Amino acid sequence: MADSTVKRAYAELADGRQTHYRYRGGGLPLILMHASPLSSAWMEQTMTALPEGVFAVAPDTPGYGASDPLPEPGEDLSGYVTWLKQFIAALGFDRVGVYGSSTGAQIAIEFTRAWPESALFLVLDNAAHFTDAEREYILARYFPDLSPREDGAHLQKAWEMVNATWQWFPWFEQDEEHRFAPAGAVPLETRQKMLVDQLRAGLDYARAYRGAFLNEDASRLLGVSAPTRIIRWRGGMLRKYADRLDEMDLPSNIGMAHCGPAMEQRLAAIRAAVSELALLPPSAVPPATD
């Protein structure tokens, strides 16, 4: 049986930059891409919920966690897509499955569009569709300036953003229409963990985050040829925007995996999707239910 302990390592890319990553298990390689502005630490719970027969690898996106930043970051996700290809090559893989949440989902989509021969399958989580007007409105206010200030006001703003992110979407619209979770639903320790990751990313914390919003358009899925499952978690902050995917004429290789609002249901849905797409034996744990 493969080692079930989550371990950590660094991969050196061809240009000398380093990518920090976590890994667990053994078998078919599955890359797990985290949301912004977080780190691969947030993938540990998902990694431990995956079925046997999977070698789970969760990198820190460049500029986040302990990974070196992109040498020439742009406004879109192309730099992160190129990095992902380089990272996979540095690990010695030719083809991998990819799971991505939020920003990670958008990078996974673009990676598969750019190198369809390298993607065995995709599992997308917290993926949605925004109109151009919604995207413009959100981007105008979503990322406050967190430059250091003598009075520490930037720290207070960062904390406000973190707290609000777990209650409203977008976080700056703090009313009942935009609420998706009650106050205090997420433990204080979890919010503190997010704050540390956001501050660690520095003044460029919004780089990948912003690129993901720009890419959050269902039309990007039309170029995905790999077998794909989209996790439709009822507890997610983007649920309202993810529901729009039901109205889209998506390719037959893309299917929906609906699950209830509990985290256990979400993890079970991810596990079931990976088992199905990787053609693994049925898991001993039942799949997600509503």
C-alpha atoms as a PDB file:
ATOM      1  CA  MET A   1       0.000   0.000   0.000  1.00  0.00           C
ATOM      2  CA  ALA A   2       1.280   3.496  -0.889  1.00  0.00           C
ATOM      3  CA  ASP A   3       2.330   5.842   1.888  1.00  0.00           C
ATOM      4  CA  SER A   4      -0.735   7.851   2.956  1.00  0.00           C
ATOM      5  CA  THR A   5       1.289  10.624   4.617  1.00  0.00           C
ATOM      6  CA  VAL A   6       1.217  14.035   2.942  1.00  0.00           C
ATOM      7  CA  LYS A   7       4.828  15.023   2.290  1.00  0.00           C
ATOM      8  CA  ARG A   8       6.492  18.165   0.934  1.00  0.00           C
ATOM      9  CA  ALA A   9       9.228  18.801  -1.613  1.00  0.00           C
ATOM     10  CA  TYR A  10      10.534  21.273  -4.195  1.00  0.00           C
ATOM     11  CA  ALA A  11      10.783  20.792  -7.938  1.00  0.00           C
ATOM     12  CA  GLU A  12      13.376  22.774  -9.884  1.00  0.00           C
ATOM     13  CA  LEU A  13      12.164  23.919 -13.286  1.00  0.00           C
ATOM     14  CA  ALA A  14      14.344  24.107 -16.375  1.00  0.00           C
ATOM     15  CA  ASP A  15      14.991  27.827 -15.796  1.00  0.00           C
ATOM     16  CA  GLY A  16      16.097  27.283 -12.186  1.00  0.00           C
ATOM     17  CA  ARG A  17      12.910  28.499 -10.497  1.00  0.00           C
ATOM     18  CA  GLN A  18      11.525  26.328  -7.734  1.00  0.00           C
ATOM     19  CA  THR A  19       7.990  25.121  -7.144  1.00  0.00           C
ATOM     20  CA  HIS A  20       7.014  23.884  -3.709  1.00  0.00           C
ATOM     21  CA  TYR A  21       4.514  21.030  -3.644  1.00  0.00           C
ATOM     22  CA  ARG A  22       2.793  18.480  -1.432  1.00  0.00           C
ATOM     23  CA  TYR A  23       2.326  14.856  -2.450  1.00  0.00           C
ATOM     24  CA  ARG A  24       0.685  11.679  -1.254  1.00  0.00           C
ATOM     25  CA  GLY A  25      -0.065   8.128  -2.369  1.00  0.00           C
ATOM     26  CA  GLY A  26       1.054   6.307  -5.476  1.00  0.00           C
ATOM     27  CA  GLY A  27      -0.250   5.363  -8.902  1.00  0.00           C
ATOM     28  CA  LEU A  28      -1.833   7.525 -11.574  1.00  0.00           C
ATOM     29  CA  PRO A  29      -0.560  11.132 -11.282  1.00  0.00           C
ATOM     30  CA  LEU A  30      -3.180  13.712 -10.332  1.00  0.00           C
ATOM     31  CA  ILE A  31      -2.229  17.392 -10.042  1.00  0.00           C
ATOM     32  CA  LEU A  32      -4.337  19.394  -7.567  1.00  0.00           C
ATOM     33  CA  MET A  33      -4.488  23.145  -8.160  1.00  0.00           C
ATOM     34  CA  HIS A  34      -5.549  25.428  -5.311  1.00  0.00           C
ATOM     35  CA  ALA A  35      -7.613  28.601  -5.236  1.00  0.00           C
ATOM     36  CA  SER A  36      -6.100  32.091  -4.879  1.00  0.00           C
ATOM     37  CA  PRO A  37      -4.594  33.631  -2.837  1.00  0.00           C
ATOM     38  CA  LEU A  38      -4.037  30.350  -0.979  1.00  0.00           C
ATOM     39  CA  SER A  39      -1.429  27.571  -1.089  1.00  0.00           C
ATOM     40  CA  SER A  40      -1.264  23.817  -1.511  1.00  0.00           C
ATOM     41  CA  ALA A  41      -1.898  23.435   2.234  1.00  0.00           C
ATOM     42  CA  TRP A  42      -5.578  23.879   1.385  1.00  0.00           C
ATOM     43  CA  MET A  43      -5.432  20.763  -0.805  1.00  0.00           C
ATOM     44  CA  GLU A  44      -4.419  18.385   1.995  1.00  0.00           C
ATOM     45  CA  GLN A  45      -7.990  17.536   2.977  1.00  0.00           C
ATOM     46  CA  THR A  46      -8.839  16.723  -0.637  1.00  0.00           C
ATOM     47  CA  MET A  47      -5.648  14.707  -1.076  1.00  0.00           C
ATOM     48  CA  THR A  48      -6.475  12.477   1.881  1.00  0.00           C
ATOM     49  CA  ALA A  49     -10.015  11.915   0.549  1.00  0.00           C
ATOM     50  CA  LEU A  50      -8.864  10.597  -2.841  1.00  0.00           C
ATOM     51  CA  PRO A  51      -9.146   6.915  -3.747  1.00  0.00           C
ATOM     52  CA  GLU A  52      -6.278   4.448  -3.631  1.00  0.00           C
ATOM     53  CA  GLY A  53      -4.273   4.226  -6.832  1.00  0.00           C
ATOM     54  CA  VAL A  54      -3.728   7.965  -7.197  1.00  0.00           C
ATOM     55  CA  PHE A  55      -0.437   9.817  -6.761  1.00  0.00           C
ATOM     56  CA  ALA A  56      -1.708  13.231  -5.632  1.00  0.00           C
ATOM     57  CA  VAL A  57       0.581  16.207  -6.237  1.00  0.00           C
ATOM     58  CA  ALA A  58      -0.482  19.682  -5.070  1.00  0.00           C
ATOM     59  CA  PRO A  59       1.857  22.519  -6.073  1.00  0.00           C
ATOM     60  CA  ASP A  60       1.895  26.077  -4.778  1.00  0.00           C
ATOM     61  CA  THR A  61       0.987  28.273  -7.739  1.00  0.00           C
ATOM     62  CA  PRO A  62       3.902  30.605  -8.655  1.00  0.00           C
ATOM     63  CA  GLY A  63       3.994  33.589  -6.322  1.00  0.00           C
ATOM     64  CA  TYR A  64       1.862  31.852  -3.693  1.00  0.00           C
ATOM     65  CA  GLY A  65       2.827  29.634  -0.779  1.00  0.00           C
ATOM     66  CA  ALA A  66       6.538  28.842  -1.031  1.00  0.00           C
ATOM     67  CA  SER A  67       6.871  28.811  -4.839  1.00  0.00           C
ATOM     68  CA  ASP A  68       8.949  31.285  -6.825  1.00  0.00           C
ATOM     69  CA  PRO A  69       6.860  33.805  -8.797  1.00  0.00           C
ATOM     70  CA  LEU A  70       6.532  33.869 -12.566  1.00  0.00           C
ATOM     71  CA  PRO A  71       9.468  35.608 -14.267  1.00  0.00           C
ATOM     72  CA  GLU A  72       7.190  37.682 -16.506  1.00  0.00           C
ATOM     73  CA  PRO A  73       3.620  37.638 -15.158  1.00  0.00           C
ATOM     74  CA  GLY A  74       0.903  38.891 -17.484  1.00  0.00           C
ATOM     75  CA  GLU A  75      -2.724  39.800 -17.017  1.00  0.00           C
ATOM     76  CA  ASP A  76      -4.100  36.429 -18.128  1.00  0.00           C
ATOM     77  CA  LEU A  77      -3.350  32.860 -17.069  1.00  0.00           C
ATOM     78  CA  SER A  78      -0.929  31.982 -19.876  1.00  0.00           C
ATOM     79  CA  GLY A  79       2.142  32.260 -17.640  1.00  0.00           C
ATOM     80  CA  TYR A  80       0.628  29.861 -15.099  1.00  0.00           C
ATOM     81  CA  VAL A  81      -0.314  27.438 -17.868  1.00  0.00           C
ATOM     82  CA  THR A  82       3.261  27.383 -19.163  1.00  0.00           C
ATOM     83  CA  TRP A  83       4.533  26.922 -15.602  1.00  0.00           C
ATOM     84  CA  LEU A  84       2.193  23.955 -15.052  1.00  0.00           C
ATOM     85  CA  LYS A  85       3.535  22.235 -18.155  1.00  0.00           C
ATOM     86  CA  GLN A  86       7.111  22.841 -16.928  1.00  0.00           C
ATOM     87  CA  PHE A  87       6.275  21.591 -13.442  1.00  0.00           C
ATOM     88  CA  ILE A  88       4.754  18.371 -14.754  1.00  0.00           C
ATOM     89  CA  ALA A  89       7.820  17.815 -16.941  1.00  0.00           C
ATOM     90  CA  ALA A  90      10.116  18.431 -13.948  1.00  0.00           C
ATOM     91  CA  LEU A  91       8.329  15.613 -12.121  1.00  0.00           C
ATOM     92  CA  GLY A  92       8.868  13.307 -15.097  1.00  0.00           C
ATOM     93  CA  PHE A  93       5.210  12.952 -16.138  1.00  0.00           C
ATOM     94  CA  ASP A  94       3.882  12.995 -19.696  1.00  0.00           C
ATOM     95  CA  ARG A  95       0.147  12.794 -18.977  1.00  0.00           C
ATOM     96  CA  VAL A  96      -1.731  13.646 -15.797  1.00  0.00           C
ATOM     97  CA  GLY A  97      -5.192  14.104 -14.429  1.00  0.00           C
ATOM     98  CA  VAL A  98      -5.876  17.597 -13.108  1.00  0.00           C
ATOM     99  CA  TYR A  99      -8.183  18.739 -10.317  1.00  0.00           C
ATOM    100  CA  GLY A 100      -8.619  22.475  -9.841  1.00  0.00           C
ATOM    101  CA  SER A 101     -10.652  24.700  -7.535  1.00  0.00           C
ATOM    102  CA  SER A 102     -11.512  28.321  -8.435  1.00  0.00           C
ATOM    103  CA  THR A 103      -8.271  29.777  -9.847  1.00  0.00           C
ATOM    104  CA  GLY A 104      -6.941  26.236 -10.063  1.00  0.00           C
ATOM    105  CA  ALA A 105      -9.937  25.207 -12.159  1.00  0.00           C
ATOM    106  CA  GLN A 106      -9.341  28.004 -14.645  1.00  0.00           C
ATOM    107  CA  ILE A 107      -5.639  27.152 -14.951  1.00  0.00           C
ATOM    108  CA  ALA A 108      -6.626  23.509 -15.493  1.00  0.00           C
ATOM    109  CA  ILE A 109      -9.021  24.492 -18.286  1.00  0.00           C
ATOM    110  CA  GLU A 110      -6.399  26.553 -20.092  1.00  0.00           C
ATOM    111  CA  PHE A 111      -3.711  23.891 -19.587  1.00  0.00           C
ATOM    112  CA  THR A 112      -5.952  21.304 -21.227  1.00  0.00           C
ATOM    113  CA  ARG A 113      -6.784  23.653 -24.088  1.00  0.00           C
ATOM    114  CA  ALA A 114      -3.087  24.341 -24.692  1.00  0.00           C
ATOM    115  CA  TRP A 115      -1.843  20.746 -24.314  1.00  0.00           C
ATOM    116  CA  PRO A 116      -4.783  18.359 -24.800  1.00  0.00           C
ATOM    117  CA  GLU A 117      -2.417  15.418 -25.180  1.00  0.00           C
ATOM    118  CA  SER A 118      -1.088  15.986 -21.639  1.00  0.00           C
ATOM    119  CA  ALA A 119      -4.426  15.865 -19.806  1.00  0.00           C
ATOM    120  CA  LEU A 120      -5.949  12.493 -18.983  1.00  0.00           C
ATOM    121  CA  PHE A 121      -9.023  14.090 -17.428  1.00  0.00           C
ATOM    122  CA  LEU A 122     -10.232  17.157 -15.521  1.00  0.00           C
ATOM    123  CA  VAL A 123     -12.197  17.582 -12.306  1.00  0.00           C
ATOM    124  CA  LEU A 124     -13.283  21.192 -11.886  1.00  0.00           C
ATOM    125  CA  ASP A 125     -14.509  22.652  -8.612  1.00  0.00           C
ATOM    126  CA  ASN A 126     -15.897  26.143  -7.965  1.00  0.00           C
ATOM    127  CA  ALA A 127     -16.042  26.816 -11.694  1.00  0.00           C
ATOM    128  CA  ALA A 128     -18.738  29.198 -12.920  1.00  0.00           C
ATOM    129  CA  HIS A 129     -19.814  31.664 -15.586  1.00  0.00           C
ATOM    130  CA  PHE A 130     -19.838  35.467 -15.323  1.00  0.00           C
ATOM    131  CA  THR A 131     -21.157  37.985 -17.808  1.00  0.00           C
ATOM    132  CA  ASP A 132     -18.762  40.649 -19.038  1.00  0.00           C
ATOM    133  CA  ALA A 133     -20.625  43.283 -17.033  1.00  0.00           C
ATOM    134  CA  GLU A 134     -20.432  41.222 -13.830  1.00  0.00           C
ATOM    135  CA  ARG A 135     -16.751  40.547 -14.357  1.00  0.00           C
ATOM    136  CA  GLU A 136     -15.985  44.221 -14.877  1.00  0.00           C
ATOM    137  CA  TYR A 137     -17.968  45.189 -11.790  1.00  0.00           C
ATOM    138  CA  ILE A 138     -16.306  42.579  -9.585  1.00  0.00           C
ATOM    139  CA  LEU A 139     -12.765  43.328 -10.731  1.00  0.00           C
ATOM    140  CA  ALA A 140     -13.212  47.042 -10.088  1.00  0.00           C
ATOM    141  CA  ARG A 141     -13.546  46.479  -6.319  1.00  0.00           C
ATOM    142  CA  TYR A 142     -12.504  42.942  -5.453  1.00  0.00           C
ATOM    143  CA  PHE A 143      -8.793  43.521  -4.863  1.00  0.00           C
ATOM    144  CA  PRO A 144      -7.991  46.379  -2.463  1.00  0.00           C
ATOM    145  CA  ASP A 145      -4.513  47.860  -2.254  1.00  0.00           C
ATOM    146  CA  LEU A 146      -2.728  46.146   0.625  1.00  0.00           C
ATOM    147  CA  SER A 147       0.451  48.232   0.518  1.00  0.00           C
ATOM    148  CA  PRO A 148       1.944  48.599   4.035  1.00  0.00           C
ATOM    149  CA  ARG A 149       0.807  51.676   5.984  1.00  0.00           C
ATOM    150  CA  GLU A 150       2.154  53.155   9.162  1.00  0.00           C
ATOM    151  CA  ASP A 151      -1.145  52.775  11.004  1.00  0.00           C
ATOM    152  CA  GLY A 152      -1.574  49.146   9.912  1.00  0.00           C
ATOM    153  CA  ALA A 153      -4.801  49.918   8.065  1.00  0.00           C
ATOM    154  CA  HIS A 154      -3.752  47.507   5.305  1.00  0.00           C
ATOM    155  CA  LEU A 155      -3.858  44.644   7.812  1.00  0.00           C
ATOM    156  CA  GLN A 156      -7.349  45.591   8.898  1.00  0.00           C
ATOM    157  CA  LYS A 157      -8.474  45.732   5.258  1.00  0.00           C
ATOM    158  CA  ALA A 158      -6.954  42.303   4.579  1.00  0.00           C
ATOM    159  CA  TRP A 159      -8.752  40.854   7.593  1.00  0.00           C
ATOM    160  CA  GLU A 160     -12.044  42.451   6.536  1.00  0.00           C
ATOM    161  CA  MET A 161     -11.662  40.903   3.080  1.00  0.00           C
ATOM    162  CA  VAL A 162     -10.870  37.453   4.484  1.00  0.00           C
ATOM    163  CA  ASN A 163     -13.819  37.476   6.892  1.00  0.00           C
ATOM    164  CA  ALA A 164     -16.228  38.714   4.256  1.00  0.00           C
ATOM    165  CA  THR A 165     -15.027  36.195   1.644  1.00  0.00           C
ATOM    166  CA  TRP A 166     -16.522  33.379   3.753  1.00  0.00           C
ATOM    167  CA  GLN A 167     -19.936  35.066   3.974  1.00  0.00           C
ATOM    168  CA  TRP A 168     -20.705  37.073   0.835  1.00  0.00           C
ATOM    169  CA  PHE A 169     -19.904  36.965  -2.868  1.00  0.00           C
ATOM    170  CA  PRO A 170     -18.540  39.272  -3.979  1.00  0.00           C
ATOM    171  CA  TRP A 171     -17.119  39.987  -0.545  1.00  0.00           C
ATOM    172  CA  PHE A 172     -17.643  43.751  -0.735  1.00  0.00           C
ATOM    173  CA  GLU A 173     -21.426  43.387  -1.220  1.00  0.00           C
ATOM    174  CA  GLN A 174     -22.251  42.709   2.405  1.00  0.00           C
ATOM    175  CA  ASP A 175     -26.020  42.313   2.307  1.00  0.00           C
ATOM    176  CA  GLU A 176     -28.465  39.414   2.435  1.00  0.00           C
ATOM    177  CA  GLU A 177     -28.841  39.248  -1.344  1.00  0.00           C
ATOM    178  CA  HIS A 178     -25.169  38.336  -1.666  1.00  0.00           C
ATOM    179  CA  ARG A 179     -24.824  36.169   1.433  1.00  0.00           C
ATOM    180  CA  PHE A 180     -24.050  32.465   0.968  1.00  0.00           C
ATOM    181  CA  ALA A 181     -23.048  31.517   4.543  1.00  0.00           C
ATOM    182  CA  PRO A 182     -23.835  32.810   8.045  1.00  0.00           C
ATOM    183  CA  ALA A 183     -21.301  34.744  10.102  1.00  0.00           C
ATOM    184  CA  GLY A 184     -18.957  32.491  12.026  1.00  0.00           C
ATOM    185  CA  ALA A 185     -19.674  29.427   9.879  1.00  0.00           C
ATOM    186  CA  VAL A 186     -15.961  29.089   9.144  1.00  0.00           C
ATOM    187  CA  PRO A 187     -13.647  28.621  12.163  1.00  0.00           C
ATOM    188  CA  LEU A 188     -11.505  31.562  13.199  1.00  0.00           C
ATOM    189  CA  GLU A 189      -8.382  29.431  12.719  1.00  0.00           C
ATOM    190  CA  THR A 190      -9.335  28.817   9.075  1.00  0.00           C
ATOM    191  CA  ARG A 191      -9.781  32.524   8.445  1.00  0.00           C
ATOM    192  CA  GLN A 192      -6.429  33.235  10.097  1.00  0.00           C
ATOM    193  CA  LYS A 193      -4.818  30.622   7.847  1.00  0.00           C
ATOM    194  CA  MET A 194      -6.217  32.373   4.777  1.00  0.00           C
ATOM    195  CA  LEU A 195      -5.000  35.752   6.005  1.00  0.00           C
ATOM    196  CA  VAL A 196      -1.450  34.408   6.405  1.00  0.00           C
ATOM    197  CA  ASP A 197      -1.479  32.986   2.870  1.00  0.00           C
ATOM    198  CA  GLN A 198      -2.813  36.229   1.434  1.00  0.00           C
ATOM    199  CA  LEU A 199      -0.185  38.362   3.198  1.00  0.00           C
ATOM    200  CA  ARG A 200       2.538  35.909   2.224  1.00  0.00           C
ATOM    201  CA  ALA A 201       1.641  36.395  -1.443  1.00  0.00           C
ATOM    202  CA  GLY A 202       2.597  40.070  -1.039  1.00  0.00           C
ATOM    203  CA  LEU A 203       1.437  43.061  -3.016  1.00  0.00           C
ATOM    204  CA  ASP A 204       0.924  40.868  -6.084  1.00  0.00           C
ATOM    205  CA  TYR A 205      -1.608  38.669  -4.260  1.00  0.00           C
ATOM    206  CA  ALA A 206      -4.273  39.369  -6.889  1.00  0.00           C
ATOM    207  CA  ARG A 207      -2.228  38.287  -9.931  1.00  0.00           C
ATOM    208  CA  ALA A 208      -3.574  34.758 -10.536  1.00  0.00           C
ATOM    209  CA  TYR A 209      -6.870  35.636  -8.834  1.00  0.00           C
ATOM    210  CA  ARG A 210      -7.556  38.418 -11.343  1.00  0.00           C
ATOM    211  CA  GLY A 211      -6.555  36.231 -14.278  1.00  0.00           C
ATOM    212  CA  ALA A 212      -9.008  33.583 -13.112  1.00  0.00           C
ATOM    213  CA  PHE A 213     -11.911  36.053 -13.018  1.00  0.00           C
ATOM    214  CA  LEU A 214     -11.057  37.156 -16.547  1.00  0.00           C
ATOM    215  CA  ASN A 215     -11.194  33.519 -17.622  1.00  0.00           C
ATOM    216  CA  GLU A 216     -14.440  32.585 -15.819  1.00  0.00           C
ATOM    217  CA  ASP A 217     -16.501  32.158 -18.968  1.00  0.00           C
ATOM    218  CA  ALA A 218     -18.251  28.945 -19.989  1.00  0.00           C
ATOM    219  CA  SER A 219     -17.097  29.450 -23.583  1.00  0.00           C
ATOM    220  CA  ARG A 220     -13.578  28.458 -22.451  1.00  0.00           C
ATOM    221  CA  LEU A 221     -14.932  24.953 -21.804  1.00  0.00           C
ATOM    222  CA  LEU A 222     -15.797  24.510 -25.473  1.00  0.00           C
ATOM    223  CA  GLY A 223     -12.118  23.900 -26.259  1.00  0.00           C
ATOM    224  CA  VAL A 224     -11.717  21.165 -23.628  1.00  0.00           C
ATOM    225  CA  SER A 225     -11.533  17.700 -25.191  1.00  0.00           C
ATOM    226  CA  ALA A 226     -10.484  15.674 -22.114  1.00  0.00           C
ATOM    227  CA  PRO A 227     -13.111  13.789 -20.079  1.00  0.00           C
ATOM    228  CA  THR A 228     -14.303  16.354 -17.521  1.00  0.00           C
ATOM    229  CA  ARG A 229     -16.521  16.472 -14.447  1.00  0.00           C
ATOM    230  CA  ILE A 230     -17.634  19.723 -12.855  1.00  0.00           C
ATOM    231  CA  ILE A 231     -18.336  19.456  -9.126  1.00  0.00           C
ATOM    232  CA  ARG A 232     -21.615  21.249  -8.447  1.00  0.00           C
ATOM    233  CA  TRP A 233     -21.306  21.756  -4.707  1.00  0.00           C
ATOM    234  CA  ARG A 234     -24.365  23.384  -3.169  1.00  0.00           C
ATOM    235  CA  GLY A 235     -22.272  24.895  -0.373  1.00  0.00           C
ATOM    236  CA  GLY A 236     -19.944  26.858  -2.656  1.00  0.00           C
ATOM    237  CA  MET A 237     -19.759  30.635  -2.838  1.00  0.00           C
ATOM    238  CA  LEU A 238     -20.157  30.525  -6.632  1.00  0.00           C
ATOM    239  CA  ARG A 239     -23.198  28.265  -6.690  1.00  0.00           C
ATOM    240  CA  LYS A 240     -25.483  30.882  -8.271  1.00  0.00           C
ATOM    241  CA  TYR A 241     -22.996  31.441 -11.082  1.00  0.00           C
ATOM    242  CA  ALA A 242     -22.209  27.732 -11.474  1.00  0.00           C
ATOM    243  CA  ASP A 243     -25.904  26.951 -11.975  1.00  0.00           C
ATOM    244  CA  ARG A 244     -25.711  28.858 -15.254  1.00  0.00           C
ATOM    245  CA  LEU A 245     -23.639  26.029 -16.698  1.00  0.00           C
ATOM    246  CA  ASP A 246     -26.854  23.987 -16.956  1.00  0.00           C
ATOM    247  CA  GLU A 247     -28.042  26.420 -19.602  1.00  0.00           C
ATOM    248  CA  MET A 248     -24.912  26.052 -21.718  1.00  0.00           C
ATOM    249  CA  ASP A 249     -24.546  23.701 -24.667  1.00  0.00           C
ATOM    250  CA  LEU A 250     -21.368  22.041 -23.425  1.00  0.00           C
ATOM    251  CA  PRO A 251     -19.559  19.177 -25.178  1.00  0.00           C
ATOM    252  CA  SER A 252     -20.621  15.613 -24.308  1.00  0.00           C
ATOM    253  CA  ASN A 253     -17.266  14.908 -22.619  1.00  0.00           C
ATOM    254  CA  ILE A 254     -18.180  17.398 -19.866  1.00  0.00           C
ATOM    255  CA  GLY A 255     -20.527  16.147 -17.167  1.00  0.00           C
ATOM    256  CA  MET A 256     -21.889  17.536 -13.904  1.00  0.00           C
ATOM    257  CA  ALA A 257     -21.368  15.937 -10.488  1.00  0.00           C
ATOM    258  CA  HIS A 258     -24.027  17.372  -8.174  1.00  0.00           C
ATOM    259  CA  CYS A 259     -23.607  17.080  -4.410  1.00  0.00           C
ATOM    260  CA  GLY A 260     -25.045  18.474  -1.200  1.00  0.00           C
ATOM    261  CA  PRO A 261     -23.726  21.419   0.824  1.00  0.00           C
ATOM    262  CA  ALA A 262     -21.635  19.550   3.404  1.00  0.00           C
ATOM    263  CA  MET A 263     -17.869  19.348   2.984  1.00  0.00           C
ATOM    264  CA  GLU A 264     -18.057  15.564   3.321  1.00  0.00           C
ATOM    265  CA  GLN A 265     -20.442  15.459   0.350  1.00  0.00           C
ATOM    266  CA  ARG A 266     -18.140  17.629  -1.705  1.00  0.00           C
ATOM    267  CA  LEU A 267     -15.115  15.435  -0.963  1.00  0.00           C
ATOM    268  CA  ALA A 268     -17.097  12.310  -1.775  1.00  0.00           C
ATOM    269  CA  ALA A 269     -18.113  13.820  -5.122  1.00  0.00           C
ATOM    270  CA  ILE A 270     -14.500  14.623  -5.946  1.00  0.00           C
ATOM    271  CA  ARG A 271     -13.418  11.119  -4.977  1.00  0.00           C
ATOM    272  CA  ALA A 272     -16.163   9.551  -7.114  1.00  0.00           C
ATOM    273  CA  ALA A 273     -15.301  11.736 -10.125  1.00  0.00           C
ATOM    274  CA  VAL A 274     -11.609  10.867  -9.913  1.00  0.00           C
ATOM    275  CA  SER A 275     -12.411   7.160  -9.543  1.00  0.00           C
ATOM    276  CA  GLU A 276     -14.673   7.269 -12.595  1.00  0.00           C
ATOM    277  CA  LEU A 277     -12.381   9.248 -14.875  1.00  0.00           C
ATOM    278  CA  ALA A 278      -9.210   7.448 -13.853  1.00  0.00           C
ATOM    279  CA  LEU A 279     -10.967   4.090 -14.390  1.00  0.00           C
ATOM    280  CA  LEU A 280     -10.079   3.022 -10.859  1.00  0.00           C
ATOM    281  CA  PRO A 281     -11.885   0.257  -8.957  1.00  0.00           C
ATOM    282  CA  PRO A 282     -14.988   1.515  -7.101  1.00  0.00           C
ATOM    283  CA  SER A 283     -14.121   3.218  -3.820  1.00  0.00           C
ATOM    284  CA  ALA A 284     -15.073   1.528  -0.571  1.00  0.00           C
ATOM    285  CA  VAL A 285     -16.673   4.794   0.506  1.00  0.00           C
ATOM    286  CA  PRO A 286     -20.099   5.580  -1.052  1.00  0.00           C
ATOM    287  CA  PRO A 287     -20.231   8.463  -3.553  1.00  0.00           C
ATOM    288  CA  ALA A 288     -21.765  11.820  -2.749  1.00  0.00           C
ATOM    289  CA  THR A 289     -25.479  12.130  -2.190  1.00  0.00           C
ATOM    290  CA  ASP A 290     -27.800  15.082  -1.999  1.00  0.00           C
END
